[in-house]
Amino acid sequence: MPPSRNIPQATVDDLDWFRLDNYAGLSQFTALDWARLVGDRLAIRRALNAGNPEAISGIFESIKATPLKWLGSDVRYIGADHPTNTASVKSLTLNRLKALTDEATPLVAPEEADAVVDELLARNPESPFQRYALLMVSIDAPKDQIVADFARWLDARLAASASLLPESDYRNGDYMEKAARSWIPHCAVPLYDLDLFELMTGKSVPSSFRWISLFPDVHLDALESKKKNSKSAAAFLFSEDTYRVLHGLAYDLTLLCQEARAESAKSARMSGYNSLTI
């Protein structure tokens, strides 16, 4: 927030909550942790931009006290408690169906009565349902045909989803390197939290407090380059594009871990079986 005669400056007491040490745990963050942190703050920013700071005042107090705590804005749909559910395929509940209808209906033009639900939801980049696809499967068809048809559909769906991702380092797996190389050393998260504080309170954080608190060991002559790098890192991290990539990366890594655990458990069972039969 630029300085203005009409905007009061925050006092030392107003900023007593800010401690750079509270962000030390970022070095241990996984892709899922980063996705959750970015998602939480983007949700807060949207509420503030909508002129509704009162609705999130309690949430922001939680950030001030424990800035790395997940606030739950990125809760994923887990499906009904059904024995056929898997990590990536789940049954559709009535509440889920209603939520999807409520979100999709305002996006439908009069001539789009037969529009594909996934394509409608793709028009809303903030949709919490972006990570899921919805389709009908004719379970009375032969199993081989269902499997073959689903494989073709899945290939086409994944290709379409990949085309919507921003051009980035996602395929090279460089996003966690960005955390160590840019987001953490350039203090992107604490800087963004100070910006949120300004929007939340209507008070300007004094420039001297902001930059000395973020970079206490940096000489004044080198501070200007630090300011530029910090603002650039925060702008990159707290964007919808970065959030989508982090969310996708976290989802992919979660599935890989689940598959690895399943394979490990299978190997252990087979080992036990072999020892019994020898």
Protein backbone atom coordinates (compact mmCIF):
# COMPACT_ATOMS: atom_id res chain seq x y z
CA MET A 1 0.00 0.00 0.00
CA PRO A 2 1.58 3.29 -1.07
CA PRO A 3 1.91 6.00 1.57
CA SER A 4 -0.84 8.61 1.67
CA ARG A 5 -1.79 11.47 3.86
CA ASN A 6 -5.29 9.98 4.08
CA ILE A 7 -4.12 6.54 5.23
CA PRO A 8 -2.98 6.23 8.84
CA GLN A 9 0.28 4.43 9.51
CA ALA A 10 0.30 1.32 11.64
CA THR A 11 1.96 1.73 15.01
CA VAL A 12 4.52 -0.51 16.65
CA ASP A 13 1.73 -1.96 18.78
CA ASP A 14 -0.37 -2.68 15.66
CA LEU A 15 2.51 -4.68 14.23
CA ASP A 16 3.55 -6.44 17.42
CA TRP A 17 2.23 -9.72 16.00
CA PHE A 18 4.78 -9.85 13.17
CA ARG A 19 7.72 -12.18 13.81
CA LEU A 20 9.94 -13.39 10.97
CA ASP A 21 10.84 -16.45 13.05
CA ASN A 22 7.23 -17.64 12.74
CA TYR A 23 7.92 -18.41 9.08
CA ALA A 24 10.98 -20.61 9.64
CA GLY A 25 8.95 -23.77 9.03
CA LEU A 26 8.55 -22.93 5.33
CA SER A 27 11.80 -24.76 4.66
CA GLN A 28 10.01 -28.02 5.56
CA PHE A 29 6.97 -27.42 3.34
CA THR A 30 5.82 -29.97 0.79
CA ALA A 31 3.95 -29.14 -2.42
CA LEU A 32 0.68 -29.79 -0.58
CA ASP A 33 1.68 -27.41 2.23
CA TRP A 34 2.50 -24.67 -0.28
CA ALA A 35 -0.77 -25.23 -2.15
CA ARG A 36 -2.75 -24.93 1.07
CA LEU A 37 -0.91 -21.80 2.20
CA VAL A 38 -1.39 -20.06 -1.14
CA GLY A 39 -5.03 -21.17 -1.35
CA ASP A 40 -5.78 -19.81 2.13
CA ARG A 41 -4.32 -16.41 1.35
CA LEU A 42 -5.94 -16.10 -2.06
CA ALA A 43 -9.30 -16.84 -0.43
CA ILE A 44 -8.64 -14.09 2.13
CA ARG A 45 -7.57 -11.68 -0.61
CA ARG A 46 -10.78 -12.32 -2.55
CA ALA A 47 -12.86 -11.57 0.55
CA LEU A 48 -10.92 -8.36 1.17
CA ASN A 49 -11.22 -7.27 -2.46
CA ALA A 50 -14.97 -7.85 -2.18
CA GLY A 51 -15.07 -5.33 0.67
CA ASN A 52 -15.92 -7.83 3.38
CA PRO A 53 -13.05 -7.77 5.93
CA GLU A 54 -15.36 -8.45 8.88
CA ALA A 55 -16.14 -11.93 7.56
CA ILE A 56 -12.51 -13.00 7.81
CA SER A 57 -11.24 -10.99 10.77
CA GLY A 58 -11.04 -14.11 12.94
CA ILE A 59 -9.22 -16.02 10.20
CA PHE A 60 -6.65 -13.28 9.83
CA GLU A 61 -6.07 -13.31 13.60
CA SER A 62 -5.13 -16.97 13.20
CA ILE A 63 -2.59 -16.06 10.50
CA LYS A 64 -1.08 -13.41 12.77
CA ALA A 65 -0.66 -15.96 15.58
CA THR A 66 0.40 -19.00 13.53
CA PRO A 67 1.04 -17.95 9.92
CA LEU A 68 1.93 -21.43 8.65
CA LYS A 69 -1.19 -23.15 9.99
CA TRP A 70 -3.52 -24.54 7.35
CA LEU A 71 -6.87 -22.72 7.53
CA GLY A 72 -8.83 -25.28 5.51
CA SER A 73 -9.80 -23.24 2.44
CA ASP A 74 -8.48 -26.03 0.21
CA VAL A 75 -10.48 -28.91 1.70
CA ARG A 76 -10.90 -31.52 -0.97
CA TYR A 77 -14.04 -33.49 -1.63
CA ILE A 78 -13.59 -36.97 -0.17
CA GLY A 79 -16.81 -38.54 -1.41
CA ALA A 80 -19.32 -40.65 0.44
CA ASP A 81 -18.06 -43.36 2.76
CA HIS A 82 -18.40 -46.18 0.27
CA PRO A 83 -16.37 -49.42 0.10
CA THR A 84 -15.68 -48.99 -3.63
CA ASN A 85 -14.02 -45.57 -3.20
CA THR A 86 -10.36 -45.31 -4.20
CA ALA A 87 -7.78 -42.52 -3.95
CA SER A 88 -8.80 -41.03 -7.30
CA VAL A 89 -12.30 -42.41 -7.98
CA LYS A 90 -15.14 -41.73 -5.57
CA SER A 91 -18.89 -42.02 -5.42
CA LEU A 92 -20.99 -38.90 -6.01
CA THR A 93 -23.10 -37.74 -3.05
CA LEU A 94 -26.37 -35.82 -3.25
CA ASN A 95 -24.82 -32.82 -1.48
CA ARG A 96 -21.98 -32.84 -3.99
CA LEU A 97 -24.46 -32.97 -6.88
CA LYS A 98 -26.39 -30.01 -5.46
CA ALA A 99 -23.20 -27.97 -5.00
CA LEU A 100 -22.15 -28.69 -8.57
CA THR A 101 -25.56 -27.67 -9.89
CA ASP A 102 -25.53 -24.45 -7.86
CA GLU A 103 -22.12 -23.51 -9.26
CA ALA A 104 -22.68 -24.58 -12.86
CA THR A 105 -26.18 -23.14 -13.38
CA PRO A 106 -25.17 -19.42 -13.40
CA LEU A 107 -22.49 -20.23 -16.01
CA VAL A 108 -24.98 -21.71 -18.50
CA ALA A 109 -26.20 -19.65 -21.45
CA PRO A 110 -29.82 -20.23 -22.61
CA GLU A 111 -28.65 -22.29 -25.60
CA GLU A 112 -26.34 -24.50 -23.50
CA ALA A 113 -28.79 -26.87 -21.87
CA ASP A 114 -26.63 -29.83 -22.93
CA ALA A 115 -23.29 -28.24 -22.00
CA VAL A 116 -20.65 -30.53 -20.50
CA VAL A 117 -20.38 -29.92 -16.75
CA ASP A 118 -16.56 -30.11 -16.69
CA GLU A 119 -16.33 -27.52 -19.47
CA LEU A 120 -18.71 -25.21 -17.63
CA LEU A 121 -16.72 -25.44 -14.40
CA ALA A 122 -13.51 -24.74 -16.33
CA ARG A 123 -14.86 -21.22 -16.94
CA ASN A 124 -14.48 -20.49 -13.25
CA PRO A 125 -10.78 -20.61 -12.26
CA GLU A 126 -11.74 -20.40 -8.58
CA SER A 127 -13.98 -23.47 -8.67
CA PRO A 128 -13.18 -25.95 -5.88
CA PHE A 129 -14.31 -28.73 -8.25
CA GLN A 130 -11.54 -28.20 -10.80
CA ARG A 131 -9.65 -31.30 -9.65
CA TYR A 132 -12.50 -33.66 -10.51
CA ALA A 133 -14.24 -34.87 -13.65
CA LEU A 134 -17.84 -35.96 -13.92
CA LEU A 135 -19.17 -38.48 -16.41
CA MET A 136 -21.70 -41.26 -16.90
CA VAL A 137 -20.64 -44.89 -17.23
CA SER A 138 -22.95 -47.54 -18.66
CA ILE A 139 -22.26 -50.36 -16.25
CA ASP A 140 -24.49 -52.76 -18.20
CA ALA A 141 -21.96 -52.76 -21.08
CA PRO A 142 -19.30 -55.51 -21.23
CA LYS A 143 -16.46 -54.85 -18.80
CA ASP A 144 -13.78 -54.90 -21.52
CA GLN A 145 -15.67 -52.27 -23.47
CA ILE A 146 -16.11 -50.07 -20.37
CA VAL A 147 -12.39 -50.26 -19.58
CA ALA A 148 -11.37 -49.51 -23.18
CA ASP A 149 -13.85 -46.65 -23.54
CA PHE A 150 -12.83 -45.14 -20.21
CA ALA A 151 -9.14 -45.33 -21.13
CA ARG A 152 -9.81 -43.37 -24.34
CA TRP A 153 -11.94 -40.83 -22.47
CA LEU A 154 -9.30 -40.43 -19.76
CA ASP A 155 -6.48 -39.84 -22.24
CA ALA A 156 -8.49 -37.11 -23.94
CA ARG A 157 -9.55 -35.55 -20.62
CA LEU A 158 -6.01 -35.44 -19.22
CA ALA A 159 -4.71 -33.94 -22.46
CA ALA A 160 -7.37 -31.24 -22.29
CA SER A 161 -6.53 -30.51 -18.64
CA ALA A 162 -2.80 -30.27 -19.39
CA SER A 163 -3.48 -27.71 -22.12
CA LEU A 164 -5.10 -25.43 -19.53
CA LEU A 165 -2.03 -25.37 -17.27
CA PRO A 166 0.14 -22.25 -17.57
CA GLU A 167 3.46 -22.68 -19.32
CA SER A 168 5.78 -23.16 -16.40
CA ASP A 169 8.37 -25.38 -14.77
CA TYR A 170 5.63 -27.81 -13.69
CA ARG A 171 6.67 -30.64 -16.02
CA ASN A 172 10.30 -30.30 -14.93
CA GLY A 173 9.39 -30.50 -11.25
CA ASP A 174 11.10 -27.19 -10.51
CA TYR A 175 8.46 -25.65 -8.27
CA MET A 176 9.97 -26.89 -5.04
CA GLU A 177 13.27 -25.47 -6.23
CA LYS A 178 11.53 -22.12 -6.58
CA ALA A 179 10.59 -22.32 -2.91
CA ALA A 180 14.20 -22.76 -1.82
CA ARG A 181 15.65 -20.39 -4.42
CA SER A 182 13.09 -17.57 -4.41
CA TRP A 183 10.00 -17.71 -2.21
CA ILE A 184 11.77 -18.37 1.10
CA PRO A 185 14.94 -16.24 0.81
CA HIS A 186 12.98 -13.35 -0.70
CA CYS A 187 10.39 -13.49 2.11
CA ALA A 188 7.41 -13.77 -0.25
CA VAL A 189 5.02 -15.10 2.40
CA PRO A 190 5.70 -12.63 5.24
CA LEU A 191 5.66 -9.76 2.73
CA TYR A 192 2.25 -10.88 1.46
CA ASP A 193 0.95 -11.14 5.02
CA LEU A 194 1.96 -7.54 5.66
CA ASP A 195 0.09 -6.56 2.50
CA LEU A 196 -2.98 -8.44 3.76
CA PHE A 197 -2.66 -6.62 7.08
CA GLU A 198 -2.82 -3.30 5.23
CA LEU A 199 -5.94 -4.34 3.33
CA MET A 200 -7.51 -5.75 6.47
CA THR A 201 -6.91 -2.73 8.70
CA GLY A 202 -6.70 0.17 6.28
CA LYS A 203 -3.39 1.12 7.88
CA SER A 204 -0.09 1.50 6.05
CA VAL A 205 2.91 -0.51 7.24
CA PRO A 206 5.87 1.91 7.52
CA SER A 207 8.45 1.15 4.85
CA SER A 208 11.26 1.09 7.40
CA PHE A 209 9.44 -1.50 9.51
CA ARG A 210 8.57 -3.67 6.51
CA TRP A 211 12.01 -4.00 4.97
CA ILE A 212 14.13 -4.00 8.12
CA SER A 213 11.86 -6.67 9.62
CA LEU A 214 12.05 -8.81 6.49
CA PHE A 215 15.79 -8.39 5.90
CA PRO A 216 17.37 -7.43 9.24
CA ASP A 217 20.88 -8.47 8.19
CA VAL A 218 20.94 -6.76 4.80
CA HIS A 219 22.95 -3.56 4.43
CA LEU A 220 21.00 -0.49 3.37
CA ASP A 221 22.88 -0.29 0.05
CA ALA A 222 21.67 -3.76 -0.95
CA LEU A 223 18.10 -3.32 0.26
CA GLU A 224 16.69 -1.94 -2.99
CA SER A 225 17.43 -5.12 -4.92
CA LYS A 226 15.94 -7.13 -2.05
CA LYS A 227 12.73 -5.10 -2.25
CA LYS A 228 12.40 -5.77 -5.97
CA ASN A 229 13.07 -9.49 -5.64
CA SER A 230 10.70 -9.83 -2.69
CA LYS A 231 7.81 -8.13 -4.49
CA SER A 232 8.40 -10.22 -7.60
CA ALA A 233 8.50 -13.48 -5.63
CA ALA A 234 5.27 -12.64 -3.77
CA ALA A 235 3.47 -11.69 -6.98
CA PHE A 236 4.50 -14.96 -8.62
CA LEU A 237 3.67 -17.17 -5.63
CA PHE A 238 0.28 -15.67 -4.82
CA SER A 239 -1.33 -16.05 -8.22
CA GLU A 240 -4.09 -18.32 -9.46
CA ASP A 241 -1.70 -19.87 -12.00
CA THR A 242 0.85 -20.82 -9.34
CA TYR A 243 -1.90 -22.12 -7.06
CA ARG A 244 -3.24 -24.40 -9.80
CA VAL A 245 0.22 -25.78 -10.55
CA LEU A 246 1.01 -26.37 -6.86
CA HIS A 247 -2.39 -27.99 -6.37
CA GLY A 248 -1.79 -30.30 -9.33
CA LEU A 249 1.73 -31.13 -8.21
CA ALA A 250 0.54 -31.92 -4.68
CA TYR A 251 -2.24 -34.13 -6.03
CA ASP A 252 0.16 -36.05 -8.30
CA LEU A 253 2.70 -36.56 -5.50
CA THR A 254 -0.04 -37.72 -3.13
CA LEU A 255 -1.14 -40.38 -5.61
CA LEU A 256 2.45 -41.51 -6.13
CA CYS A 257 2.91 -41.89 -2.36
CA GLN A 258 -0.33 -43.84 -2.07
CA GLU A 259 0.72 -46.13 -4.92
CA ALA A 260 4.16 -46.64 -3.35
CA ARG A 261 2.60 -47.54 0.02
CA ALA A 262 0.20 -49.94 -1.66
CA GLU A 263 3.04 -51.59 -3.57
CA SER A 264 5.10 -51.83 -0.37
CA ALA A 265 2.19 -53.44 1.48
CA LYS A 266 1.65 -55.86 -1.40
CA SER A 267 5.34 -56.83 -1.35
CA ALA A 268 5.20 -57.38 2.40
CA ARG A 269 2.16 -59.64 2.04
CA MET A 270 3.82 -61.62 -0.73
CA SER A 271 6.99 -61.96 1.36
CA GLY A 272 4.96 -63.29 4.26
CA TYR A 273 3.12 -65.67 1.97
CA ASN A 274 6.37 -66.99 0.49
CA SER A 275 7.90 -67.57 3.91
CA LEU A 276 4.87 -69.64 4.87
CA THR A 277 5.01 -71.78 1.74
CA ILE A 278 8.72 -72.51 1.80
